[in-house]
Amino acid sequence: MKYKYEFSFIELANGNKCLVISLPKEIELVEAFLFQMCKNEKWFINGIMNVLSGSNQYEERDGEFYGLEIRKEFTRIHDVFDQGEECNIETSELKELIDIWVEENNK
């Protein structure tokens, strides 16, 4: 894993605790993407795997707030409501971060 990450919990207004991940500044949009992914991880991972395996050269996946433009080397993550907020991350690193996030959420 190229990027350092750290998990913590935040307390919501109702007293429940919610898992969050902290990532380096250059990929902080990934934090929000992972948080909002909401049980759609298989759909996002399938898109990534289709590209990494060579089945497709490019795939798009749009979630409720964030969209992915997946290419073999890099994936662009963007806020579907804000044309200026985006980041690029290595596709294999994004896949690994999704796997790590899902595993931590399932503990």
N, C-alpha and C. Protein backbone atom coordinates (compact mmCIF):
# COMPACT_ATOMS: atom_id res chain seq x y z
N MET A 1 0.85 -1.18 0.00
CA MET A 1 0.00 0.00 0.00
C MET A 1 0.89 1.24 0.00
N LYS A 2 0.69 2.05 -0.97
CA LYS A 2 1.48 3.27 -1.15
C LYS A 2 1.07 4.36 -0.16
N TYR A 3 -0.20 4.43 0.17
CA TYR A 3 -0.72 5.52 0.98
C TYR A 3 -0.91 5.10 2.43
N LYS A 4 -0.53 5.98 3.34
CA LYS A 4 -0.77 5.73 4.76
C LYS A 4 -2.23 6.05 5.05
N TYR A 5 -2.80 5.28 5.94
CA TYR A 5 -4.19 5.51 6.33
C TYR A 5 -4.35 5.23 7.81
N GLU A 6 -5.39 5.78 8.37
CA GLU A 6 -5.68 5.59 9.78
C GLU A 6 -7.19 5.59 9.97
N PHE A 7 -7.67 4.67 10.79
CA PHE A 7 -9.10 4.59 11.10
C PHE A 7 -9.38 5.26 12.44
N SER A 8 -10.54 5.85 12.54
CA SER A 8 -11.01 6.41 13.81
C SER A 8 -12.54 6.39 13.78
N PHE A 9 -13.11 6.76 14.89
CA PHE A 9 -14.57 6.83 14.98
C PHE A 9 -14.98 8.26 15.30
N ILE A 10 -16.08 8.68 14.71
CA ILE A 10 -16.69 9.96 15.07
C ILE A 10 -18.03 9.66 15.71
N GLU A 11 -18.42 10.50 16.63
CA GLU A 11 -19.71 10.32 17.28
C GLU A 11 -20.75 11.19 16.59
N LEU A 12 -21.84 10.56 16.19
CA LEU A 12 -22.92 11.26 15.52
C LEU A 12 -23.83 11.94 16.54
N ALA A 13 -24.70 12.81 16.08
CA ALA A 13 -25.61 13.55 16.96
C ALA A 13 -26.49 12.62 17.79
N ASN A 14 -26.82 11.45 17.24
CA ASN A 14 -27.67 10.50 17.96
C ASN A 14 -26.89 9.61 18.92
N GLY A 15 -25.57 9.84 19.03
CA GLY A 15 -24.75 9.06 19.95
C GLY A 15 -24.09 7.85 19.33
N ASN A 16 -24.51 7.45 18.15
CA ASN A 16 -23.87 6.33 17.45
C ASN A 16 -22.48 6.74 17.00
N LYS A 17 -21.61 5.73 16.90
CA LYS A 17 -20.26 5.98 16.40
C LYS A 17 -20.15 5.48 14.97
N CYS A 18 -19.38 6.21 14.19
CA CYS A 18 -19.24 5.90 12.77
C CYS A 18 -17.76 5.84 12.41
N LEU A 19 -17.38 4.80 11.68
CA LEU A 19 -16.00 4.62 11.26
C LEU A 19 -15.65 5.61 10.15
N VAL A 20 -14.47 6.22 10.26
CA VAL A 20 -13.95 7.09 9.21
C VAL A 20 -12.49 6.70 8.96
N ILE A 21 -12.01 7.05 7.78
CA ILE A 21 -10.63 6.79 7.41
C ILE A 21 -9.97 8.12 7.08
N SER A 22 -8.73 8.27 7.51
CA SER A 22 -7.94 9.46 7.19
C SER A 22 -6.86 9.07 6.19
N LEU A 23 -6.75 9.85 5.12
CA LEU A 23 -5.80 9.58 4.04
C LEU A 23 -4.99 10.84 3.77
N PRO A 24 -3.89 10.72 3.04
CA PRO A 24 -3.09 11.91 2.70
C PRO A 24 -3.91 12.95 1.94
N LYS A 25 -3.51 14.19 2.09
CA LYS A 25 -4.21 15.33 1.49
C LYS A 25 -4.49 15.15 0.00
N GLU A 26 -3.51 14.62 -0.75
CA GLU A 26 -3.66 14.53 -2.20
C GLU A 26 -4.77 13.57 -2.64
N ILE A 27 -5.21 12.69 -1.73
CA ILE A 27 -6.30 11.77 -2.08
C ILE A 27 -7.44 11.83 -1.06
N GLU A 28 -7.58 12.97 -0.38
CA GLU A 28 -8.59 13.05 0.67
C GLU A 28 -10.02 12.88 0.14
N LEU A 29 -10.25 13.10 -1.13
CA LEU A 29 -11.58 12.87 -1.70
C LEU A 29 -11.95 11.39 -1.62
N VAL A 30 -10.95 10.52 -1.59
CA VAL A 30 -11.19 9.08 -1.45
C VAL A 30 -11.86 8.80 -0.10
N GLU A 31 -11.51 9.56 0.93
CA GLU A 31 -12.14 9.39 2.25
C GLU A 31 -13.66 9.51 2.12
N ALA A 32 -14.10 10.58 1.50
CA ALA A 32 -15.54 10.82 1.34
C ALA A 32 -16.18 9.76 0.45
N PHE A 33 -15.48 9.38 -0.61
CA PHE A 33 -16.01 8.34 -1.50
C PHE A 33 -16.23 7.04 -0.74
N LEU A 34 -15.24 6.61 0.04
CA LEU A 34 -15.37 5.36 0.79
C LEU A 34 -16.52 5.45 1.79
N PHE A 35 -16.63 6.57 2.46
CA PHE A 35 -17.68 6.75 3.46
C PHE A 35 -19.07 6.66 2.85
N GLN A 36 -19.27 7.20 1.66
CA GLN A 36 -20.60 7.21 1.04
C GLN A 36 -20.88 5.99 0.18
N MET A 37 -19.90 5.11 0.03
CA MET A 37 -20.04 3.96 -0.86
C MET A 37 -21.23 3.07 -0.47
N CYS A 38 -21.55 3.01 0.80
CA CYS A 38 -22.77 2.40 1.33
C CYS A 38 -23.19 1.08 0.68
N LYS A 39 -22.51 0.06 0.97
CA LYS A 39 -22.89 -1.30 0.54
C LYS A 39 -22.91 -1.50 -0.98
N ASN A 40 -22.36 -0.57 -1.73
CA ASN A 40 -22.24 -0.73 -3.18
C ASN A 40 -20.82 -1.12 -3.58
N GLU A 41 -20.04 -1.55 -2.61
CA GLU A 41 -18.63 -1.83 -2.89
C GLU A 41 -18.44 -2.88 -3.99
N LYS A 42 -19.30 -3.88 -4.04
CA LYS A 42 -19.14 -4.92 -5.07
C LYS A 42 -19.30 -4.34 -6.47
N TRP A 43 -20.22 -3.42 -6.64
CA TRP A 43 -20.46 -2.79 -7.93
C TRP A 43 -19.24 -1.97 -8.36
N PHE A 44 -18.67 -1.21 -7.41
CA PHE A 44 -17.47 -0.43 -7.72
C PHE A 44 -16.28 -1.36 -7.99
N ILE A 45 -16.11 -2.38 -7.16
CA ILE A 45 -15.00 -3.32 -7.34
C ILE A 45 -15.12 -4.05 -8.67
N ASN A 46 -16.33 -4.44 -9.05
CA ASN A 46 -16.51 -5.11 -10.35
C ASN A 46 -16.04 -4.23 -11.50
N GLY A 47 -16.36 -2.95 -11.44
CA GLY A 47 -15.90 -2.02 -12.48
C GLY A 47 -14.39 -1.94 -12.51
N ILE A 48 -13.77 -1.84 -11.35
CA ILE A 48 -12.31 -1.79 -11.26
C ILE A 48 -11.70 -3.07 -11.78
N MET A 49 -12.24 -4.21 -11.38
CA MET A 49 -11.68 -5.50 -11.81
C MET A 49 -11.85 -5.71 -13.31
N ASN A 50 -12.95 -5.24 -13.88
CA ASN A 50 -13.15 -5.35 -15.34
C ASN A 50 -12.04 -4.63 -16.09
N VAL A 51 -11.59 -3.50 -15.55
CA VAL A 51 -10.53 -2.74 -16.20
C VAL A 51 -9.16 -3.35 -15.90
N LEU A 52 -8.90 -3.69 -14.64
CA LEU A 52 -7.59 -4.26 -14.29
C LEU A 52 -7.34 -5.59 -14.99
N SER A 53 -8.39 -6.37 -15.21
CA SER A 53 -8.23 -7.67 -15.87
C SER A 53 -8.09 -7.56 -17.38
N GLY A 54 -8.40 -6.38 -17.92
CA GLY A 54 -8.32 -6.18 -19.36
C GLY A 54 -9.63 -6.46 -20.08
N SER A 55 -10.68 -6.83 -19.36
CA SER A 55 -11.98 -7.06 -20.00
C SER A 55 -12.50 -5.79 -20.66
N ASN A 56 -12.27 -4.66 -20.01
CA ASN A 56 -12.64 -3.35 -20.55
C ASN A 56 -11.47 -2.39 -20.36
N GLN A 57 -11.35 -1.44 -21.26
CA GLN A 57 -10.29 -0.43 -21.12
C GLN A 57 -10.72 0.71 -20.21
N TYR A 58 -12.03 0.90 -20.08
CA TYR A 58 -12.56 2.04 -19.34
C TYR A 58 -13.94 1.71 -18.81
N GLU A 59 -14.21 2.13 -17.60
CA GLU A 59 -15.56 2.00 -17.04
C GLU A 59 -15.87 3.23 -16.21
N GLU A 60 -17.14 3.55 -16.13
CA GLU A 60 -17.61 4.63 -15.25
C GLU A 60 -18.56 4.03 -14.23
N ARG A 61 -18.43 4.51 -13.02
CA ARG A 61 -19.34 4.14 -11.95
C ARG A 61 -19.71 5.41 -11.22
N ASP A 62 -20.99 5.72 -11.16
CA ASP A 62 -21.45 6.89 -10.42
C ASP A 62 -22.25 6.45 -9.22
N GLY A 63 -21.86 6.97 -8.07
CA GLY A 63 -22.60 6.73 -6.85
C GLY A 63 -23.52 7.90 -6.57
N GLU A 64 -24.01 7.94 -5.36
CA GLU A 64 -24.94 9.00 -4.98
C GLU A 64 -24.27 10.37 -5.00
N PHE A 65 -23.00 10.42 -4.59
CA PHE A 65 -22.28 11.70 -4.52
C PHE A 65 -21.00 11.74 -5.34
N TYR A 66 -20.39 10.58 -5.55
CA TYR A 66 -19.08 10.54 -6.21
C TYR A 66 -19.09 9.57 -7.38
N GLY A 67 -18.37 9.93 -8.41
CA GLY A 67 -18.26 9.10 -9.60
C GLY A 67 -16.82 8.68 -9.83
N LEU A 68 -16.67 7.54 -10.50
CA LEU A 68 -15.35 7.03 -10.85
C LEU A 68 -15.24 6.94 -12.36
N GLU A 69 -14.11 7.36 -12.89
CA GLU A 69 -13.73 7.12 -14.28
C GLU A 69 -12.51 6.22 -14.20
N ILE A 70 -12.73 4.94 -14.47
CA ILE A 70 -11.72 3.92 -14.20
C ILE A 70 -10.94 3.58 -15.45
N ARG A 71 -9.64 3.73 -15.35
CA ARG A 71 -8.70 3.28 -16.38
C ARG A 71 -7.70 2.36 -15.71
N LYS A 72 -6.95 1.62 -16.51
CA LYS A 72 -6.05 0.61 -15.95
C LYS A 72 -5.03 1.20 -14.97
N GLU A 73 -4.41 2.30 -15.33
CA GLU A 73 -3.37 2.88 -14.47
C GLU A 73 -3.94 3.79 -13.38
N PHE A 74 -4.86 4.66 -13.75
CA PHE A 74 -5.40 5.64 -12.80
C PHE A 74 -6.91 5.71 -12.88
N THR A 75 -7.51 6.05 -11.75
CA THR A 75 -8.94 6.30 -11.67
C THR A 75 -9.16 7.73 -11.21
N ARG A 76 -10.06 8.41 -11.88
CA ARG A 76 -10.45 9.77 -11.49
C ARG A 76 -11.71 9.67 -10.64
N ILE A 77 -11.65 10.24 -9.46
CA ILE A 77 -12.81 10.31 -8.57
C ILE A 77 -13.28 11.76 -8.58
N HIS A 78 -14.56 11.96 -8.77
CA HIS A 78 -15.08 13.32 -8.82
C HIS A 78 -16.41 13.41 -8.10
N ASP A 79 -16.67 14.58 -7.56
CA ASP A 79 -17.93 14.90 -6.92
C ASP A 79 -18.94 15.16 -8.03
N VAL A 80 -20.03 14.40 -8.06
CA VAL A 80 -20.98 14.54 -9.16
C VAL A 80 -21.73 15.87 -9.13
N PHE A 81 -21.67 16.59 -8.02
CA PHE A 81 -22.36 17.88 -7.92
C PHE A 81 -21.43 19.07 -8.05
N ASP A 82 -20.13 18.86 -7.93
CA ASP A 82 -19.16 19.95 -7.96
C ASP A 82 -18.14 19.67 -9.05
N GLN A 83 -18.18 20.43 -10.11
CA GLN A 83 -17.32 20.19 -11.27
C GLN A 83 -15.83 20.32 -10.94
N GLY A 84 -15.46 21.00 -9.86
CA GLY A 84 -14.06 21.24 -9.58
C GLY A 84 -13.41 20.26 -8.63
N GLU A 85 -14.19 19.52 -7.86
CA GLU A 85 -13.62 18.63 -6.85
C GLU A 85 -13.36 17.25 -7.45
N GLU A 86 -12.08 16.90 -7.55
CA GLU A 86 -11.69 15.60 -8.11
C GLU A 86 -10.30 15.24 -7.63
N CYS A 87 -9.97 13.97 -7.76
CA CYS A 87 -8.60 13.52 -7.52
C CYS A 87 -8.34 12.29 -8.39
N ASN A 88 -7.08 12.03 -8.62
CA ASN A 88 -6.66 10.85 -9.36
C ASN A 88 -5.87 9.95 -8.42
N ILE A 89 -6.12 8.66 -8.54
CA ILE A 89 -5.43 7.68 -7.72
C ILE A 89 -5.15 6.46 -8.59
N GLU A 90 -4.04 5.80 -8.30
CA GLU A 90 -3.73 4.57 -9.02
C GLU A 90 -4.89 3.59 -8.81
N THR A 91 -5.34 2.98 -9.87
CA THR A 91 -6.51 2.09 -9.80
C THR A 91 -6.27 0.93 -8.85
N SER A 92 -5.09 0.34 -8.89
CA SER A 92 -4.79 -0.78 -7.99
C SER A 92 -4.80 -0.33 -6.53
N GLU A 93 -4.34 0.89 -6.25
CA GLU A 93 -4.35 1.42 -4.89
C GLU A 93 -5.78 1.69 -4.42
N LEU A 94 -6.61 2.20 -5.29
CA LEU A 94 -8.02 2.42 -4.94
C LEU A 94 -8.69 1.09 -4.62
N LYS A 95 -8.45 0.09 -5.42
CA LYS A 95 -9.02 -1.25 -5.16
C LYS A 95 -8.60 -1.74 -3.78
N GLU A 96 -7.32 -1.58 -3.47
CA GLU A 96 -6.82 -2.03 -2.17
C GLU A 96 -7.45 -1.24 -1.02
N LEU A 97 -7.59 0.06 -1.19
CA LEU A 97 -8.24 0.87 -0.16
C LEU A 97 -9.70 0.49 0.05
N ILE A 98 -10.40 0.18 -1.03
CA ILE A 98 -11.79 -0.28 -0.90
C ILE A 98 -11.82 -1.58 -0.11
N ASP A 99 -10.94 -2.52 -0.45
CA ASP A 99 -10.88 -3.80 0.27
C ASP A 99 -10.60 -3.59 1.76
N ILE A 100 -9.64 -2.72 2.07
CA ILE A 100 -9.28 -2.43 3.46
C ILE A 100 -10.46 -1.80 4.19
N TRP A 101 -11.13 -0.85 3.54
CA TRP A 101 -12.29 -0.18 4.13
C TRP A 101 -13.42 -1.17 4.43
N VAL A 102 -13.72 -2.02 3.47
CA VAL A 102 -14.79 -3.00 3.64
C VAL A 102 -14.45 -3.96 4.78
N GLU A 103 -13.21 -4.43 4.81
CA GLU A 103 -12.79 -5.36 5.86
C GLU A 103 -12.93 -4.70 7.24
N GLU A 104 -12.48 -3.47 7.37
CA GLU A 104 -12.56 -2.77 8.65
C GLU A 104 -14.02 -2.53 9.06
N ASN A 105 -14.87 -2.22 8.12
CA ASN A 105 -16.30 -2.01 8.40
C ASN A 105 -17.00 -3.28 8.82
N ASN A 106 -16.50 -4.42 8.38
CA ASN A 106 -17.14 -5.70 8.69
C ASN A 106 -16.66 -6.32 9.99
N LYS A 107 -15.79 -5.66 10.70
CA LYS A 107 -15.28 -6.20 11.98
C LYS A 107 -16.34 -6.09 13.05
